[in-house]
Protein backbone atom coordinates (compact mmCIF):
# COMPACT_ATOMS: atom_id res chain seq x y z
CA MET A 1 384.06 120.97 141.08
CA VAL A 2 386.32 117.95 139.62
CA SER A 3 387.22 117.84 142.74
CA PHE A 4 384.82 117.50 144.54
CA LEU A 5 382.85 114.46 141.96
CA LEU A 6 386.56 112.94 141.78
CA ILE A 7 386.44 111.80 145.69
CA SER A 8 382.68 110.78 144.96
CA PHE A 9 383.43 108.15 143.58
CA LEU A 10 386.27 106.98 144.79
CA ALA A 11 383.97 106.49 147.88
CA GLN A 12 381.93 105.19 146.88
CA TYR A 13 383.77 102.10 144.95
CA SER A 14 385.57 101.74 148.13
CA CYS A 15 382.20 101.11 149.76
CA ARG A 16 381.23 98.59 147.53
CA LYS A 17 385.28 97.36 147.76
CA SER A 18 384.77 96.98 151.70
CA ASP A 19 380.73 95.83 151.25
CA ARG A 20 382.72 92.70 148.28
CA ASP A 21 385.14 92.29 151.72
CA ASP A 22 388.11 90.01 151.79
CA ASP A 23 386.63 87.91 153.51
CA LYS A 24 389.59 87.30 155.76
CA THR A 25 387.95 85.59 158.46
CA THR A 26 384.51 84.31 158.92
CA ASN A 27 381.33 86.65 157.61
CA THR A 28 381.32 83.71 153.80
CA SER A 29 381.01 80.86 157.20
CA GLN A 30 378.55 82.42 158.25
CA ASP A 31 375.88 82.86 155.29
CA TYR A 32 377.14 79.65 154.74
CA ALA A 33 376.13 78.25 158.43
CA MET A 34 372.96 80.34 158.54
CA VAL A 35 371.81 78.88 154.89
CA GLN A 36 372.78 75.21 155.54
CA SER A 37 370.40 75.27 158.52
CA MET A 38 367.09 77.11 156.72
CA ALA A 39 367.63 74.78 154.55
CA LEU A 40 366.91 71.63 156.36
CA ASN A 41 364.51 73.65 158.41
CA VAL A 42 362.52 73.53 155.15
CA ASN A 43 362.48 70.26 154.49
CA LYS A 44 361.69 68.95 157.46
CA ILE A 45 358.86 70.67 158.17
CA ILE A 46 357.79 69.49 154.51
CA HIS A 47 358.60 65.89 155.50
CA GLN A 48 356.48 65.88 159.28
CA ALA A 49 353.43 67.21 156.95
CA ALA A 50 353.86 64.16 154.05
CA LEU A 51 354.10 61.85 156.65
CA SER A 52 350.86 63.54 158.29
CA SER A 53 348.99 63.90 155.09
CA GLN A 54 346.40 61.10 153.94
CA GLY A 55 347.22 60.05 150.87
CA ILE A 56 350.45 61.45 150.35
CA SER A 57 352.85 58.89 152.27
CA ALA A 58 351.55 55.42 152.07
CA ASN A 59 352.18 54.71 155.21
CA ASN A 60 350.19 58.15 156.46
CA LEU A 61 351.61 58.18 160.20
CA THR A 62 349.53 60.06 161.51
CA THR A 63 346.87 62.08 160.09
CA ALA A 64 347.05 66.08 161.43
CA THR A 65 346.24 69.53 159.70
CA THR A 66 349.11 71.39 161.00
CA ILE A 67 352.75 71.08 161.73
CA PHE A 68 353.68 73.74 165.09
CA GLY A 69 349.68 74.77 165.65
CA CYS A 70 350.14 78.11 164.14
CA ASP A 71 349.36 77.19 160.72
CA THR A 72 347.14 75.65 158.44
CA LEU A 73 348.15 72.40 156.05
CA ILE A 74 346.35 72.73 152.67
CA VAL A 75 346.23 68.39 150.74
CA ASP A 76 345.49 68.28 147.03
CA THR A 77 345.72 64.52 146.17
CA VAL A 78 343.62 65.08 142.99
CA SER A 79 345.52 66.32 140.90
CA SER A 80 348.69 65.68 139.53
CA PRO A 81 351.34 66.28 141.10
CA MET A 82 348.92 65.33 144.62
CA SER A 83 350.77 68.68 146.60
CA ILE A 84 351.06 70.03 150.28
CA ILE A 85 350.53 73.64 151.20
CA VAL A 86 351.83 74.98 154.44
CA GLN A 87 350.68 78.15 155.59
CA PHE A 88 351.83 80.80 158.57
CA THR A 89 350.79 83.42 159.61
CA ASP A 90 353.18 85.00 162.25
CA CYS A 91 353.62 81.36 163.84
CA SER A 92 356.31 81.54 165.83
CA VAL A 93 358.02 78.20 167.75
CA SER A 94 361.06 78.51 168.74
CA GLY A 95 362.48 81.53 168.06
CA ILE A 96 361.70 81.73 164.51
CA VAL A 97 358.43 83.21 164.08
CA ARG A 98 357.09 82.23 159.65
CA ASN A 99 355.11 83.98 157.43
CA GLY A 100 354.36 83.08 153.69
CA ILE A 101 353.50 79.90 152.50
CA ILE A 102 355.90 76.71 151.19
CA LYS A 103 354.66 74.53 148.74
CA ALA A 104 356.12 71.12 147.85
CA THR A 105 354.89 68.46 144.85
CA PHE A 106 355.34 64.78 145.47
CA SER A 107 355.25 62.64 141.83
CA SER A 108 354.57 60.47 143.38
CA LYS A 109 353.96 58.54 147.52
CA TYR A 110 356.79 60.21 149.86
CA ASP A 111 358.02 57.46 151.17
CA MET A 112 358.97 55.67 147.82
CA ALA A 113 362.19 55.64 146.46
CA GLY A 114 362.33 57.47 143.78
CA ALA A 115 359.57 60.23 144.41
CA ASN A 116 360.26 63.90 143.82
CA VAL A 117 359.69 66.49 145.83
CA ASN A 118 359.92 69.73 144.07
CA ILE A 119 359.50 72.69 146.79
CA SER A 120 358.53 76.31 146.64
CA PHE A 121 357.93 79.34 148.28
CA ILE A 122 355.25 82.37 147.72
CA ASP A 123 356.28 84.91 149.54
CA TYR A 124 356.88 83.45 153.20
CA THR A 125 359.71 84.65 155.34
CA HIS A 126 362.17 83.17 157.97
CA ASN A 127 361.94 85.36 161.08
CA GLY A 128 361.77 88.96 158.65
CA MET A 129 364.12 87.47 156.11
CA PRO A 130 361.94 86.67 152.45
CA VAL A 131 362.61 83.43 150.72
CA SER A 132 362.71 82.60 146.75
CA GLY A 133 363.92 79.97 145.11
CA ALA A 134 363.15 76.34 144.55
CA ILE A 135 364.23 72.23 146.79
CA LYS A 136 364.28 69.05 145.93
CA VAL A 137 364.21 65.89 147.60
CA VAL A 138 364.71 62.36 145.93
CA ASN A 139 363.98 59.94 148.64
CA THR A 140 366.66 57.69 146.87
CA GLY A 141 365.54 54.63 149.50
CA ILE A 142 366.56 52.45 152.32
CA ASN A 143 370.69 52.28 153.10
CA ASN A 144 371.36 50.04 155.81
CA GLY A 145 367.96 50.17 157.66
CA ASN A 146 368.22 54.50 157.24
CA PRO A 147 365.89 55.67 154.82
CA THR A 148 368.10 58.39 152.21
CA TYR A 149 367.13 61.39 150.16
CA ASN A 150 368.69 63.50 147.60
CA PHE A 151 369.00 66.96 148.50
CA SER A 152 369.65 69.91 145.84
CA THR A 153 369.02 73.76 145.76
CA ASN A 154 368.57 75.80 142.92
CA GLU A 155 369.13 79.70 143.42
CA LEU A 156 367.73 79.73 147.40
CA LYS A 157 367.48 83.20 147.87
CA VAL A 158 367.63 84.62 151.76
CA GLU A 159 367.53 88.34 152.36
CA GLU A 160 368.52 90.42 154.14
CA GLY A 161 365.23 92.42 153.17
CA TRP A 162 366.04 96.21 155.36
CA LYS A 163 369.72 96.04 152.99
CA ASN A 164 368.77 94.04 149.79
CA ARG A 165 371.61 91.75 150.14
CA ALA A 166 369.96 88.58 149.76
CA ILE A 167 372.76 84.56 150.07
CA TYR A 168 372.59 82.29 146.41
CA TRP A 169 373.85 78.80 148.07
CA ASN A 170 373.19 75.88 145.56
CA ALA A 171 373.43 72.71 146.90
CA ASN A 172 373.71 69.09 145.91
CA GLN A 173 373.80 66.84 149.16
CA SER A 174 373.33 63.52 150.35
CA LEU A 175 370.22 62.93 153.62
CA THR A 176 370.91 60.00 155.77
CA GLN A 177 367.96 59.88 158.31
CA THR A 178 369.29 57.93 161.18
CA SER A 179 366.83 58.44 163.86
CA GLY A 180 363.20 58.65 163.95
CA GLU A 181 361.52 57.52 161.16
CA THR A 182 359.25 55.70 162.18
CA THR A 183 357.26 57.97 163.26
CA ALA A 184 356.31 61.36 161.68
CA ASP A 185 357.12 63.87 164.18
CA PHE A 186 360.38 65.98 163.49
CA LEU A 187 360.80 66.66 166.49
CA ASP A 188 363.37 62.71 167.31
CA ASP A 189 363.87 62.45 163.49
CA SER A 190 367.82 62.88 163.03
CA TYR A 191 370.19 62.90 159.55
CA THR A 192 373.48 63.79 158.73
CA VAL A 193 374.16 65.44 155.40
CA THR A 194 377.23 64.92 153.04
CA GLY A 195 378.43 66.64 149.82
CA ILE A 196 378.85 69.90 148.17
CA SER A 197 377.48 73.69 147.44
CA ASN A 198 378.55 76.99 146.21
CA GLY A 199 376.75 79.97 146.40
CA ARG A 200 377.49 84.12 146.66
CA THR A 201 377.42 85.58 150.66
CA TYR A 202 375.98 88.64 151.58
CA ALA A 203 377.97 90.38 150.61
CA GLY A 204 378.49 89.07 147.10
CA ASN A 205 381.15 86.95 147.83
CA ALA A 206 381.69 83.39 145.61
CA PHE A 207 381.70 79.99 147.59
CA THR A 208 382.07 75.92 147.60
CA THR A 209 381.40 74.32 150.83
CA ASN A 210 382.02 70.69 150.57
CA THR A 211 380.64 68.55 154.38
CA GLU A 212 381.73 64.66 154.86
CA GLY A 213 378.63 65.02 157.65
CA LEU A 214 376.83 68.16 159.40
CA ASN A 215 374.50 66.60 161.87
CA PHE A 216 371.47 67.72 161.94
CA LEU A 217 368.87 67.27 164.42
CA GLY A 218 364.41 67.61 163.77
CA ASN A 219 364.30 69.38 167.34
CA CYS A 220 366.99 72.17 166.62
CA ASN A 221 367.38 74.67 164.48
CA TRP A 222 370.95 74.79 163.35
CA VAL A 223 373.09 72.67 162.00
CA SER A 224 374.07 71.01 165.76
CA SER A 225 377.47 69.66 165.39
CA GLY A 226 379.74 67.86 161.70
CA ILE A 227 382.51 69.94 160.03
CA ALA A 228 382.51 71.41 156.38
CA THR A 229 384.88 73.08 154.54
CA VAL A 230 384.64 76.71 153.29
CA SER A 231 386.50 78.43 150.26
CA PRO A 232 385.74 82.01 149.18
CA ALA A 233 387.26 82.65 145.84
CA ASN A 234 390.35 82.08 145.76
CA LEU A 235 391.56 82.86 149.28
CA ALA A 236 392.44 80.20 151.63
CA VAL A 237 389.99 77.31 152.19
CA ARG A 238 388.91 77.79 156.16
CA THR A 239 386.60 74.91 157.74
CA LEU A 240 383.81 75.73 159.63
CA ASP A 241 383.21 73.23 163.00
CA PHE A 242 379.37 73.44 164.44
CA GLY A 243 380.26 71.92 168.29
CA SER A 244 377.88 68.82 169.62
CA GLY A 245 375.96 71.28 170.72
CA CYS A 246 371.82 73.01 169.69
CA ASP A 247 373.24 76.07 169.28
CA ASN A 248 373.47 78.70 165.87
CA ASN A 249 377.24 78.14 166.74
CA ALA A 250 380.72 77.59 165.77
CA VAL A 251 384.05 77.53 165.09
CA VAL A 252 386.40 78.74 162.55
CA THR A 253 389.66 78.06 161.10
CA LEU A 254 391.40 79.93 159.36
CA PHE A 255 396.33 79.55 159.22
CA GLU A 256 395.76 77.92 162.33
CA LYS A 257 393.93 81.30 163.75
CA GLN A 258 390.12 80.24 165.35
CA HIS A 259 387.05 82.20 165.33
CA GLU A 260 384.25 81.86 166.81
CA ILE A 261 380.85 82.94 165.14
CA ALA A 262 377.01 82.75 166.16
CA PHE A 263 374.66 83.04 162.26
CA PRO A 264 371.32 83.89 162.46
């Protein structure tokens, strides 16, 4: 009986250790690539919603009641702070199915320097993965003719659901809009992303990241190009190269060896 219990304990311990693996190659990079892209997708939705809602922006570029045609915008400019709710019900667009609510509150007009936007989630899922936590966007004004924003996340959580595992992500980044600022539609937008982040992967590994220039296109679900360094705790730094096209593929370089990855 003692031997059986010992074997059972060792088996369980082994499973836990393998779940929180040593990440010798790509796991941390895959998880980071996914959550970075997902967070930027949320931001582009709120960006278009704000520029399309009367009273939320000083210079409304259009007026709309929906972003994708399968969602509903609920705008409140009477309360303080002002708010937008984007409500999804099985809203399927470009390979992403969204359900639930993304809510944004605005301290002042979105397109004015100094505006603070706080983004939260109510029963929101992205392709069946529950998303919670907070995103904050601060309009930091115009730099060399381009709108700029501070983009931060606080314990942004993406769950795998059926595996009962989650990614936790905290970011402090700068976004520079390099095109599309004269229209509300995010499809012609592009952003350069710089800054740092840290978090914990699905497997439980802590990590940090640093980037000097990711490129995110509004008409793409994922970071389109650029390089980030990804540093799992107590392990070697690896380089994550997002390539040069709109896809969910990237290349991780570790000890001069390249590994191709795909992320959700």
